């Protein structure tokens, strides 16, 4: 299968998926393809590649947190199947991706199923793991696994259950996966254990899961959950424990956010006092209902995030990619010009030497022969100077071409092959500007023309139209649909 055929197959699969799961996003694909063509012209995207294969189209819910905080128990309860192992100790040290399937499989599929499939959020994640932990990329199966569930609550979504985060498990590769998950997810549920709410036990989680989300533009998607609060019923100090937990999170820099207190009714401790039990159950039911509502709404959030990702990529292109290409081109130009100057000085000395040598011996005889055999129109030209100039010019041109290529490789080596949210290749984008037919003095990156800027404007207009269309699905400011629903129907005669 050729690269072109492979891309066409992926686009056809995406089209079929959206028609079945979310047809409202179908009009977004042509906008992505228009952006593809612009990026291809810049050289930062391969000719047979597409942005549509580099973003997850399924809504994602990530469940993160400390060991034994009840993450897997919560997922099992929500999905209605004992898919994940549970216990008071660490029972799983892998990231588990759960999606809908024709049958429920508690036996996990290997991480390769995720790493090699562009439809999943961990496509080629082994490359990222290799960057932060050399040799670990080939052990992808020790980090990831895939399980399927036939239940309706799993349909159209992807759930990610993470291992816990303790001080003895601070592998950089695991943290890289966490960052990747938080970046791509539409909803992030961060679990803490009410049995150990003190800051010391939560220090690692606070550092890696809270502090990093404080300044995110989409910080609202992160929810903080104090689980197993039934253990506070004996002392009836839920509010005190909840307050101490909130203060610990605030110390990590989070001053606002949505906090929940829940517990699993199936494994909860018995609460003998009836009034106290009713109060705890009311709090749990209220918070669980809100969490479940947030999970149910991730499809709406994903639609907005996919459309919004185009606008983010436009800003990334204009604010980071093009300036970095300009900077690399300017650095390459300076180096080539300096090297050209040195090379020209050397050639001038060589030419002078040739002229000196031409005055004696065989060189003089050769010069006399050229003088005698030159045509009439060139009778007035100094032969020795012409020969020296032609030789020096040829050598300069050959040296200039070599220097262009040499410094292009040197500058390109310092540029990333995968940059930004969709892994744009700055290296190939830069090298496109160093081809022999490109002027050394061209300051504008190849493909970044007035026409390209017009395409950018058209893409932004298309994004606005997509947002308006999605808004029309979920909002009705003028109340037209409500009025239409309330209008009395005229019976047919």
Protein backbone atom coordinates (compact mmCIF):
# COMPACT_ATOMS: atom_id res chain seq x y z
CA UNK A 1 0.00 0.00 0.00
CA UNK A 2 1.36 3.41 -0.99
CA UNK A 3 1.41 6.36 1.46
CA UNK A 4 -1.31 8.03 -0.60
CA UNK A 5 -3.53 4.96 -0.41
CA UNK A 6 -2.90 4.63 3.33
CA UNK A 7 -4.00 8.24 3.90
CA UNK A 8 -7.10 7.79 1.77
CA UNK A 9 -7.99 4.67 3.77
CA UNK A 10 -7.61 6.55 7.07
CA UNK A 11 -9.74 9.45 5.84
CA UNK A 12 -12.42 7.05 4.65
CA UNK A 13 -12.43 5.33 8.06
CA UNK A 14 -12.72 8.70 9.80
CA UNK A 15 -15.58 9.72 7.53
CA UNK A 16 -17.43 6.49 8.30
CA UNK A 17 -16.82 6.92 12.03
CA UNK A 18 -18.17 10.47 12.08
CA UNK A 19 -21.21 9.58 9.99
CA UNK A 20 -22.07 6.90 12.53
CA UNK A 21 -21.06 8.64 15.78
CA UNK A 22 -20.99 12.41 15.27
CA UNK A 23 -22.19 13.62 11.84
CA UNK A 24 -22.11 17.23 13.06
CA UNK A 25 -18.32 17.14 12.72
CA UNK A 26 -18.29 16.01 9.09
CA UNK A 27 -18.08 19.59 7.72
CA UNK A 28 -14.89 20.10 9.75
CA UNK A 29 -12.89 17.59 7.66
CA UNK A 30 -12.62 19.83 4.53
CA UNK A 31 -11.26 22.63 6.74
CA UNK A 32 -8.59 20.29 8.09
CA UNK A 33 -7.71 19.23 4.56
CA UNK A 34 -7.36 22.88 3.49
CA UNK A 35 -4.99 23.36 6.42
CA UNK A 36 -3.13 20.21 5.35
CA UNK A 37 -2.40 21.70 1.93
CA UNK A 38 -1.11 24.90 3.50
CA UNK A 39 1.22 23.00 5.83
CA UNK A 40 2.44 20.80 2.99
CA UNK A 41 3.36 23.92 1.00
CA UNK A 42 5.36 25.12 4.03
CA UNK A 43 7.11 21.74 4.20
CA UNK A 44 6.18 21.08 7.84
CA UNK A 45 3.72 18.32 6.91
CA UNK A 46 4.35 15.39 4.59
CA UNK A 47 2.62 15.24 1.23
CA UNK A 48 0.69 12.14 2.21
CA UNK A 49 -0.04 13.14 5.81
CA UNK A 50 -3.02 14.84 7.39
CA UNK A 51 -3.85 16.67 10.60
CA UNK A 52 -6.99 14.56 10.85
CA UNK A 53 -4.86 11.55 11.76
CA UNK A 54 -3.00 13.45 14.49
CA UNK A 55 -5.86 14.39 16.78
CA UNK A 56 -8.17 12.03 18.70
CA UNK A 57 -11.74 12.27 17.45
CA UNK A 58 -13.28 10.26 20.28
CA UNK A 59 -14.19 12.10 23.51
CA UNK A 60 -11.70 11.21 26.25
CA UNK A 61 -12.16 10.90 30.01
CA UNK A 62 -8.99 10.46 32.07
CA UNK A 63 -9.02 9.10 35.62
CA UNK A 64 -5.81 9.98 37.46
CA UNK A 65 -4.69 10.13 41.06
CA UNK A 66 -2.93 8.47 43.96
CA UNK A 67 -2.61 4.75 44.65
CA UNK A 68 -5.72 3.14 46.15
CA UNK A 69 -7.80 6.28 45.74
CA UNK A 70 -10.65 4.27 44.25
CA UNK A 71 -10.10 5.16 40.59
CA UNK A 72 -10.75 1.67 39.24
CA UNK A 73 -13.68 1.13 41.59
CA UNK A 74 -15.27 4.34 40.34
CA UNK A 75 -14.80 3.30 36.71
CA UNK A 76 -16.24 -0.15 37.31
CA UNK A 77 -19.25 1.42 39.00
CA UNK A 78 -19.84 3.95 36.27
CA UNK A 79 -19.39 1.50 33.40
CA UNK A 80 -21.46 -1.16 35.13
CA UNK A 81 -18.87 -3.93 34.73
CA UNK A 82 -16.00 -5.22 36.89
CA UNK A 83 -13.49 -4.43 34.16
CA UNK A 84 -10.66 -3.16 36.34
CA UNK A 85 -9.01 -4.89 39.28
CA UNK A 86 -9.48 -3.14 42.61
CA UNK A 87 -7.86 -3.33 46.01
CA UNK A 88 -6.22 -1.45 48.86
CA UNK A 89 -2.78 -1.84 47.32
CA UNK A 90 -1.48 -0.96 43.87
CA UNK A 91 -3.18 -3.51 41.60
CA UNK A 92 -2.18 -2.20 38.18
CA UNK A 93 0.94 -0.41 37.03
CA UNK A 94 -0.21 0.30 33.46
CA UNK A 95 -2.35 2.90 31.79
CA UNK A 96 -5.54 1.15 30.73
CA UNK A 97 -7.51 2.50 27.78
CA UNK A 98 -11.14 1.41 27.78
CA UNK A 99 -13.35 1.80 24.74
CA UNK A 100 -16.53 0.29 23.34
CA UNK A 101 -16.26 -3.08 21.66
CA UNK A 102 -18.45 -5.92 20.45
CA UNK A 103 -17.73 -7.80 23.67
CA UNK A 104 -16.38 -7.06 27.13
CA UNK A 105 -12.73 -8.13 27.50
CA UNK A 106 -11.16 -8.12 30.93
CA UNK A 107 -8.11 -9.70 29.36
CA UNK A 108 -6.16 -6.71 28.07
CA UNK A 109 -4.82 -6.23 24.58
CA UNK A 110 -1.15 -5.15 24.43
CA UNK A 111 0.04 -1.54 24.27
CA UNK A 112 1.07 -2.05 20.64
CA UNK A 113 -2.64 -1.95 19.76
CA UNK A 114 -2.64 1.69 20.90
CA UNK A 115 0.82 2.76 19.80
CA UNK A 116 0.29 1.71 16.18
CA UNK A 117 -3.31 2.90 15.64
CA UNK A 118 -3.65 6.61 14.71
CA UNK A 119 -7.27 6.66 15.86
CA UNK A 120 -6.22 6.35 19.50
CA UNK A 121 -4.64 9.05 21.67
CA UNK A 122 -1.42 7.07 22.19
CA UNK A 123 -0.44 6.79 18.52
CA UNK A 124 3.39 6.69 18.32
CA UNK A 125 3.68 7.49 22.02
CA UNK A 126 6.66 5.10 22.16
CA UNK A 127 8.68 7.79 20.37
CA UNK A 128 7.91 10.26 23.16
CA UNK A 129 8.79 7.72 25.84
CA UNK A 130 12.08 7.04 24.08
CA UNK A 131 12.93 10.75 24.22
CA UNK A 132 12.65 10.95 28.00
CA UNK A 133 13.84 7.41 28.84
CA UNK A 134 16.17 5.84 26.31
CA UNK A 135 15.36 2.20 25.61
CA UNK A 136 11.89 2.39 27.19
CA UNK A 137 10.08 3.11 23.93
CA UNK A 138 10.38 -0.51 22.83
CA UNK A 139 8.76 -1.63 26.10
CA UNK A 140 5.44 0.01 25.27
CA UNK A 141 3.50 -3.06 26.45
CA UNK A 142 4.74 -2.43 29.98
CA UNK A 143 3.08 1.00 29.98
CA UNK A 144 -0.19 0.59 28.10
CA UNK A 145 -3.01 -1.88 27.65
CA UNK A 146 -6.41 -1.82 25.92
CA UNK A 147 -9.71 -3.24 27.17
CA UNK A 148 -13.12 -3.24 25.50
CA UNK A 149 -16.61 -3.00 26.94
CA UNK A 150 -19.92 -3.68 25.23
CA UNK A 151 -21.91 -1.43 27.59
CA UNK A 152 -23.72 1.66 26.36
CA UNK A 153 -21.86 4.02 28.67
CA UNK A 154 -18.62 3.22 26.86
CA UNK A 155 -20.06 3.90 23.41
CA UNK A 156 -18.53 6.90 21.67
CA UNK A 157 -15.98 7.60 24.42
CA UNK A 158 -12.52 6.56 25.55
CA UNK A 159 -11.74 6.13 29.24
CA UNK A 160 -8.19 6.06 30.59
CA UNK A 161 -7.46 4.53 33.98
CA UNK A 162 -3.99 5.43 35.23
CA UNK A 163 -1.67 3.77 37.74
CA UNK A 164 -1.12 5.70 40.96
CA UNK A 165 1.63 8.20 41.58
CA UNK A 166 3.89 7.62 44.54
CA UNK A 167 7.41 8.76 45.34
CA UNK A 168 8.91 5.38 44.43
CA UNK A 169 7.41 5.49 40.94
CA UNK A 170 8.50 8.83 39.55
CA UNK A 171 9.66 7.54 36.21
CA UNK A 172 9.89 10.34 33.69
CA UNK A 173 8.31 8.15 31.04
CA UNK A 174 5.18 7.70 33.16
CA UNK A 175 4.97 11.43 33.80
CA UNK A 176 5.32 12.06 30.07
CA UNK A 177 2.28 9.86 29.51
CA UNK A 178 0.37 11.77 32.18
CA UNK A 179 1.13 15.09 30.49
CA UNK A 180 0.03 13.61 27.17
CA UNK A 181 -3.24 12.38 28.67
CA UNK A 182 -4.07 15.67 30.38
CA UNK A 183 -3.37 17.55 27.16
CA UNK A 184 -5.71 15.44 25.02
CA UNK A 185 -8.54 14.65 27.44
CA UNK A 186 -11.88 16.41 27.47
CA UNK A 187 -12.43 15.63 31.14
CA UNK A 188 -9.80 14.82 33.77
CA UNK A 189 -10.90 13.31 37.09
CA UNK A 190 -8.14 13.58 39.71
CA UNK A 191 -8.78 11.24 42.64
CA UNK A 192 -7.48 11.56 46.20
CA UNK A 193 -7.92 9.19 49.14
CA UNK A 194 -9.90 10.61 52.05
CA UNK A 195 -8.06 8.15 54.33
CA UNK A 196 -4.80 9.99 53.59
CA UNK A 197 -5.75 13.59 52.84
CA UNK A 198 -2.68 15.13 54.42
CA UNK A 199 -0.34 17.09 52.08
CA UNK A 200 2.57 14.68 52.61
CA UNK A 201 0.69 11.74 51.10
CA UNK A 202 -0.55 13.89 48.23
CA UNK A 203 2.69 15.73 47.51
CA UNK A 204 3.61 13.93 44.28
CA UNK A 205 0.09 14.09 42.89
CA UNK A 206 -0.24 17.74 43.78
CA UNK A 207 3.02 18.49 42.00
CA UNK A 208 2.32 16.57 38.80
CA UNK A 209 -1.45 16.72 38.46
CA UNK A 210 -2.49 19.95 40.14
CA UNK A 211 0.32 22.46 39.83
CA UNK A 212 0.65 21.88 36.07
CA UNK A 213 -3.06 22.47 35.43
CA UNK A 214 -3.38 25.77 37.29
CA UNK A 215 -2.47 27.98 34.33
CA UNK A 216 -4.12 25.92 31.62
CA UNK A 217 -6.64 27.70 29.42
CA UNK A 218 -8.89 24.62 29.71
CA UNK A 219 -8.42 24.13 33.46
CA UNK A 220 -12.18 23.73 33.89
CA UNK A 221 -11.96 20.24 32.44
CA UNK A 222 -10.02 19.08 35.53
CA UNK A 223 -12.18 17.94 38.47
CA UNK A 224 -10.75 17.12 41.91
CA UNK A 225 -12.42 14.27 43.78
CA UNK A 226 -11.96 13.26 47.41
CA UNK A 227 -12.98 9.61 47.34
CA UNK A 228 -13.87 7.14 50.11
CA UNK A 229 -15.22 9.87 52.37
CA UNK A 230 -17.36 7.25 54.12
CA UNK A 231 -14.28 6.61 56.28
CA UNK A 232 -14.87 10.00 57.93
CA UNK A 233 -18.37 9.04 59.07
CA UNK A 234 -17.24 7.50 62.37
CA UNK A 235 -15.83 10.81 63.60
CA UNK A 236 -18.36 12.74 61.51
CA UNK A 237 -15.68 15.13 60.38
CA UNK A 238 -16.24 15.20 56.63
CA UNK A 239 -16.22 18.99 56.44
CA UNK A 240 -12.94 19.22 58.38
CA UNK A 241 -11.25 16.60 56.19
CA UNK A 242 -12.68 18.18 53.04
CA UNK A 243 -11.46 21.63 54.09
CA UNK A 244 -7.96 20.36 54.90
CA UNK A 245 -7.81 18.69 51.49
CA UNK A 246 -8.90 21.88 49.71
CA UNK A 247 -6.27 23.89 51.58
CA UNK A 248 -3.57 21.40 50.54
CA UNK A 249 -4.60 21.82 46.91
CA UNK A 250 -4.63 25.59 47.29
CA UNK A 251 -1.03 25.44 48.51
CA UNK A 252 -0.14 23.84 45.17
CA UNK A 253 -1.41 26.98 43.48
CA UNK A 254 -5.03 26.07 42.73
CA UNK A 255 -7.31 28.74 44.15
CA UNK A 256 -10.46 27.78 42.26
CA UNK A 257 -11.99 24.69 40.74
CA UNK A 258 -14.71 22.12 41.24
CA UNK A 259 -14.31 19.75 44.18
CA UNK A 260 -16.31 16.61 44.90
CA UNK A 261 -16.65 14.20 47.81
CA UNK A 262 -17.85 10.68 46.98
CA UNK A 263 -17.62 7.03 48.03
CA UNK A 264 -18.60 3.67 46.61
CA UNK A 265 -21.76 2.35 48.21
CA UNK A 266 -20.84 -1.27 47.55
CA UNK A 267 -17.60 -1.15 49.54
CA UNK A 268 -18.49 1.58 52.02
CA UNK A 269 -18.17 1.20 55.78
CA UNK A 270 -21.43 0.83 57.65
CA UNK A 271 -22.84 4.11 58.98
CA UNK A 272 -25.09 3.19 61.88
CA UNK A 273 -26.48 6.62 62.64
CA UNK A 274 -29.44 7.00 60.29
CA UNK A 275 -29.37 10.79 60.06
CA UNK A 276 -25.63 10.79 59.47
CA UNK A 277 -25.96 8.09 56.81
CA UNK A 278 -28.69 10.06 55.04
CA UNK A 279 -26.49 13.19 55.08
CA UNK A 280 -23.49 11.32 53.66
CA UNK A 281 -25.58 9.59 51.00
CA UNK A 282 -27.16 12.87 49.93
CA UNK A 283 -23.74 14.46 49.54
CA UNK A 284 -22.42 11.44 47.62
CA UNK A 285 -25.45 11.21 45.32
CA UNK A 286 -25.35 14.92 44.54
CA UNK A 287 -21.66 14.90 43.65
CA UNK A 288 -21.83 11.63 41.72
CA UNK A 289 -24.73 12.94 39.67
CA UNK A 290 -22.74 16.02 38.75
CA UNK A 291 -19.67 13.94 37.83
CA UNK A 292 -21.79 11.63 35.68
CA UNK A 293 -23.31 14.66 33.97
CA UNK A 294 -19.84 15.99 33.19
CA UNK A 295 -18.89 12.61 31.68
CA UNK A 296 -22.06 12.54 29.58
CA UNK A 297 -21.26 16.00 28.20
CA UNK A 298 -17.75 15.19 26.95
CA UNK A 299 -19.07 14.61 23.43
CA UNK A 300 -20.15 18.25 23.33
CA UNK A 301 -16.79 19.33 24.73
CA UNK A 302 -14.95 17.22 22.14
CA UNK A 303 -16.84 18.87 19.27
CA UNK A 304 -15.78 22.30 20.47
CA UNK A 305 -12.21 21.14 21.17
CA UNK A 306 -11.79 19.67 17.68
CA UNK A 307 -13.02 22.86 16.04
CA UNK A 308 -11.02 24.96 18.50
CA UNK A 309 -7.89 22.96 17.73
CA UNK A 310 -7.87 24.41 14.21
CA UNK A 311 -7.81 27.94 15.59
CA UNK A 312 -5.07 26.93 18.05
CA UNK A 313 -3.03 25.47 15.20
CA UNK A 314 -3.42 28.67 13.18
CA UNK A 315 -2.08 30.65 16.14
CA UNK A 316 0.72 28.14 16.59
CA UNK A 317 1.61 28.44 12.92
CA UNK A 318 1.68 32.23 12.91
CA UNK A 319 3.11 32.74 16.38
CA UNK A 320 5.67 29.92 16.61
CA UNK A 321 6.25 27.87 13.46
CA UNK A 322 6.76 30.69 10.94
CA UNK A 323 8.94 32.78 13.32
CA UNK A 324 11.10 29.74 14.08
CA UNK A 325 11.52 29.09 10.35
CA UNK A 326 12.43 32.76 9.79
CA UNK A 327 14.97 32.58 12.60
CA UNK A 328 16.50 29.36 11.24
CA UNK A 329 16.69 30.82 7.71
CA UNK A 330 18.36 33.99 9.03
CA UNK A 331 20.88 31.91 11.02
CA UNK A 332 21.65 29.80 7.95
CA UNK A 333 22.01 32.90 5.76
CA UNK A 334 24.48 34.55 8.16
CA UNK A 335 26.64 31.46 8.32
CA UNK A 336 26.67 31.00 4.55
CA UNK A 337 27.52 34.68 3.91
CA UNK A 338 30.37 34.61 6.42
CA UNK A 339 31.70 31.38 4.93
CA UNK A 340 31.30 32.83 1.41
CA UNK A 341 33.40 35.82 2.44
CA UNK A 342 36.16 33.60 3.78
CA UNK A 343 35.99 31.40 0.69
CA UNK A 344 36.09 34.44 -1.61
CA UNK A 345 39.18 35.79 0.16
CA UNK A 346 40.90 32.43 -0.28
CA UNK A 347 40.00 32.38 -3.96
CA UNK A 348 41.28 35.94 -4.43
CA UNK A 349 44.61 34.84 -3.04
CA UNK A 350 44.55 31.80 -5.28
CA UNK A 351 43.75 33.93 -8.35
CA UNK A 352 46.59 36.29 -7.52
CA UNK A 353 48.90 33.32 -7.25
CA UNK A 354 47.76 32.03 -10.62
CA UNK A 355 48.52 35.38 -12.22
CA UNK A 356 51.96 35.38 -10.68
CA UNK A 357 52.63 31.84 -11.88
CA UNK A 358 51.46 32.72 -15.37
CA UNK A 359 54.48 34.96 -15.84
CA UNK A 360 56.99 32.11 -15.92
CA UNK A 361 57.71 28.71 -17.49
CA UNK A 362 55.03 26.55 -19.00
CA UNK A 363 52.27 28.70 -17.56
CA UNK A 364 53.59 31.65 -19.60
CA UNK A 365 53.73 29.50 -22.73
CA UNK A 366 50.14 28.38 -22.18
CA UNK A 367 49.04 32.00 -21.71
CA UNK A 368 50.88 33.01 -24.96
CA UNK A 369 49.09 30.21 -26.82
CA UNK A 370 45.71 31.40 -25.56
CA UNK A 371 46.58 34.95 -26.59
CA UNK A 372 47.54 33.86 -30.10
CA UNK A 373 44.44 31.68 -30.60
CA UNK A 374 41.79 33.97 -29.18
CA UNK A 375 39.13 35.35 -31.58
CA UNK A 376 39.27 38.88 -32.92
CA UNK A 377 36.40 40.14 -30.73
CA UNK A 378 38.39 39.16 -27.63
CA UNK A 379 41.65 40.73 -28.78
CA UNK A 380 41.50 43.43 -26.16
CA UNK A 381 40.73 41.08 -23.23
CA UNK A 382 43.57 40.23 -20.86
CA UNK A 383 43.67 36.45 -21.21
CA UNK A 384 45.41 35.74 -17.95
CA UNK A 385 42.86 37.76 -15.98
CA UNK A 386 39.95 36.06 -17.76
CA UNK A 387 41.30 32.58 -17.07
CA UNK A 388 41.83 33.44 -13.43
CA UNK A 389 38.36 34.97 -13.15
CA UNK A 390 36.62 31.99 -14.76
CA UNK A 391 38.51 29.53 -12.60
CA UNK A 392 37.87 31.53 -9.44
CA UNK A 393 34.18 31.98 -10.34
CA UNK A 394 33.70 28.27 -10.89
CA UNK A 395 35.42 27.39 -7.67
CA UNK A 396 33.41 30.02 -5.78
CA UNK A 397 30.11 28.70 -7.14
CA UNK A 398 31.01 25.11 -6.29
CA UNK A 399 32.12 26.15 -2.81
CA UNK A 400 28.98 28.26 -2.29
CA UNK A 401 26.70 25.32 -3.16
CA UNK A 402 28.64 23.07 -0.80
CA UNK A 403 28.53 25.66 2.00
CA UNK A 404 24.77 26.14 1.57
CA UNK A 405 24.21 22.40 1.97
CA UNK A 406 26.70 22.07 4.83
CA UNK A 407 25.21 24.83 6.97
CA UNK A 408 21.67 23.76 6.07
CA UNK A 409 22.39 20.36 7.62
CA UNK A 410 23.98 21.99 10.66
CA UNK A 411 21.04 24.32 11.30
CA UNK A 412 18.46 21.62 10.54
CA UNK A 413 20.03 19.31 13.13
CA UNK A 414 19.02 21.80 15.82
CA UNK A 415 15.37 21.89 14.74
CA UNK A 416 12.76 19.39 15.97
CA UNK A 417 11.16 16.88 13.66
CA UNK A 418 8.05 16.93 15.85
CA UNK A 419 6.93 20.32 17.10
CA UNK A 420 3.71 21.51 18.69
CA UNK A 421 0.42 19.76 19.34
CA UNK A 422 0.32 17.94 15.98
CA UNK A 423 4.02 17.14 15.54
CA UNK A 424 4.89 19.51 12.71
CA UNK A 425 8.31 18.89 11.16
CA UNK A 426 10.28 22.13 11.42
CA UNK A 427 13.36 20.40 10.07
CA UNK A 428 11.89 19.58 6.67
CA UNK A 429 10.15 22.95 6.61
CA UNK A 430 13.49 24.69 7.01
CA UNK A 431 15.32 22.47 4.49
CA UNK A 432 12.70 23.37 1.88
CA UNK A 433 14.06 26.92 2.07
CA UNK A 434 17.65 25.86 1.40
CA UNK A 435 17.20 24.23 -1.99
CA UNK A 436 19.64 25.41 -4.69
CA UNK A 437 16.99 27.38 -6.62
CA UNK A 438 15.91 29.37 -3.52
CA UNK A 439 17.57 32.76 -3.14
CA UNK A 440 19.86 33.05 -0.16
CA UNK A 441 18.38 36.48 0.55
CA UNK A 442 14.75 35.38 0.66
CA UNK A 443 13.50 36.13 4.18
CA UNK A 444 10.00 34.71 3.78
CA UNK A 445 9.66 30.95 4.34
CA UNK A 446 8.72 28.91 1.29
CA UNK A 447 4.95 28.58 1.08
CA UNK A 448 4.27 31.58 3.33
CA UNK A 449 2.97 33.98 0.70
CA UNK A 450 0.10 36.42 0.38
CA UNK A 451 -1.93 33.55 -0.99
CA UNK A 452 -1.15 31.48 2.09
CA UNK A 453 -2.30 34.32 4.34
CA UNK A 454 -5.57 34.48 2.42
CA UNK A 455 -5.99 30.74 3.05
CA UNK A 456 -5.40 31.36 6.75
CA UNK A 457 -8.15 33.98 6.72
CA UNK A 458 -10.51 31.54 4.96
CA UNK A 459 -9.72 28.81 7.50
CA UNK A 460 -10.49 31.19 10.38
CA UNK A 461 -13.80 32.11 8.77
CA UNK A 462 -14.61 28.42 8.38
CA UNK A 463 -13.81 27.82 12.06
CA UNK A 464 -16.23 30.59 13.04
CA UNK A 465 -18.93 28.96 10.91
CA UNK A 466 -18.28 25.56 12.51
CA UNK A 467 -18.56 27.06 16.01
CA UNK A 468 -21.81 28.81 15.09
CA UNK A 469 -23.22 25.58 13.69
CA UNK A 470 -22.35 23.68 16.89
CA UNK A 471 -23.78 26.53 18.97
CA UNK A 472 -27.05 26.21 17.05
CA UNK A 473 -27.23 22.57 18.12
CA UNK A 474 -26.91 23.28 21.84
CA UNK A 475 -28.12 26.86 22.29
CA UNK A 476 -31.20 28.86 21.33
CA UNK A 477 -30.75 32.45 22.56
CA UNK A 478 -33.79 33.78 20.70
CA UNK A 479 -35.96 30.90 21.90
CA UNK A 480 -37.19 30.01 18.43
CA UNK A 481 -37.08 26.26 19.03
CA UNK A 482 -38.87 26.65 22.36
CA UNK A 483 -41.60 28.70 20.71
CA UNK A 484 -41.93 26.12 17.94
CA UNK A 485 -42.24 23.35 20.52
CA UNK A 486 -44.84 25.27 22.51
CA UNK A 487 -46.92 26.30 19.50
CA UNK A 488 -50.25 24.43 19.35
CA UNK A 489 -50.52 21.96 16.55
CA UNK A 490 -53.37 22.43 14.07
CA UNK A 491 -55.17 19.13 13.61
CA UNK A 492 -55.26 17.83 10.08
CA UNK A 493 -58.64 18.01 8.38
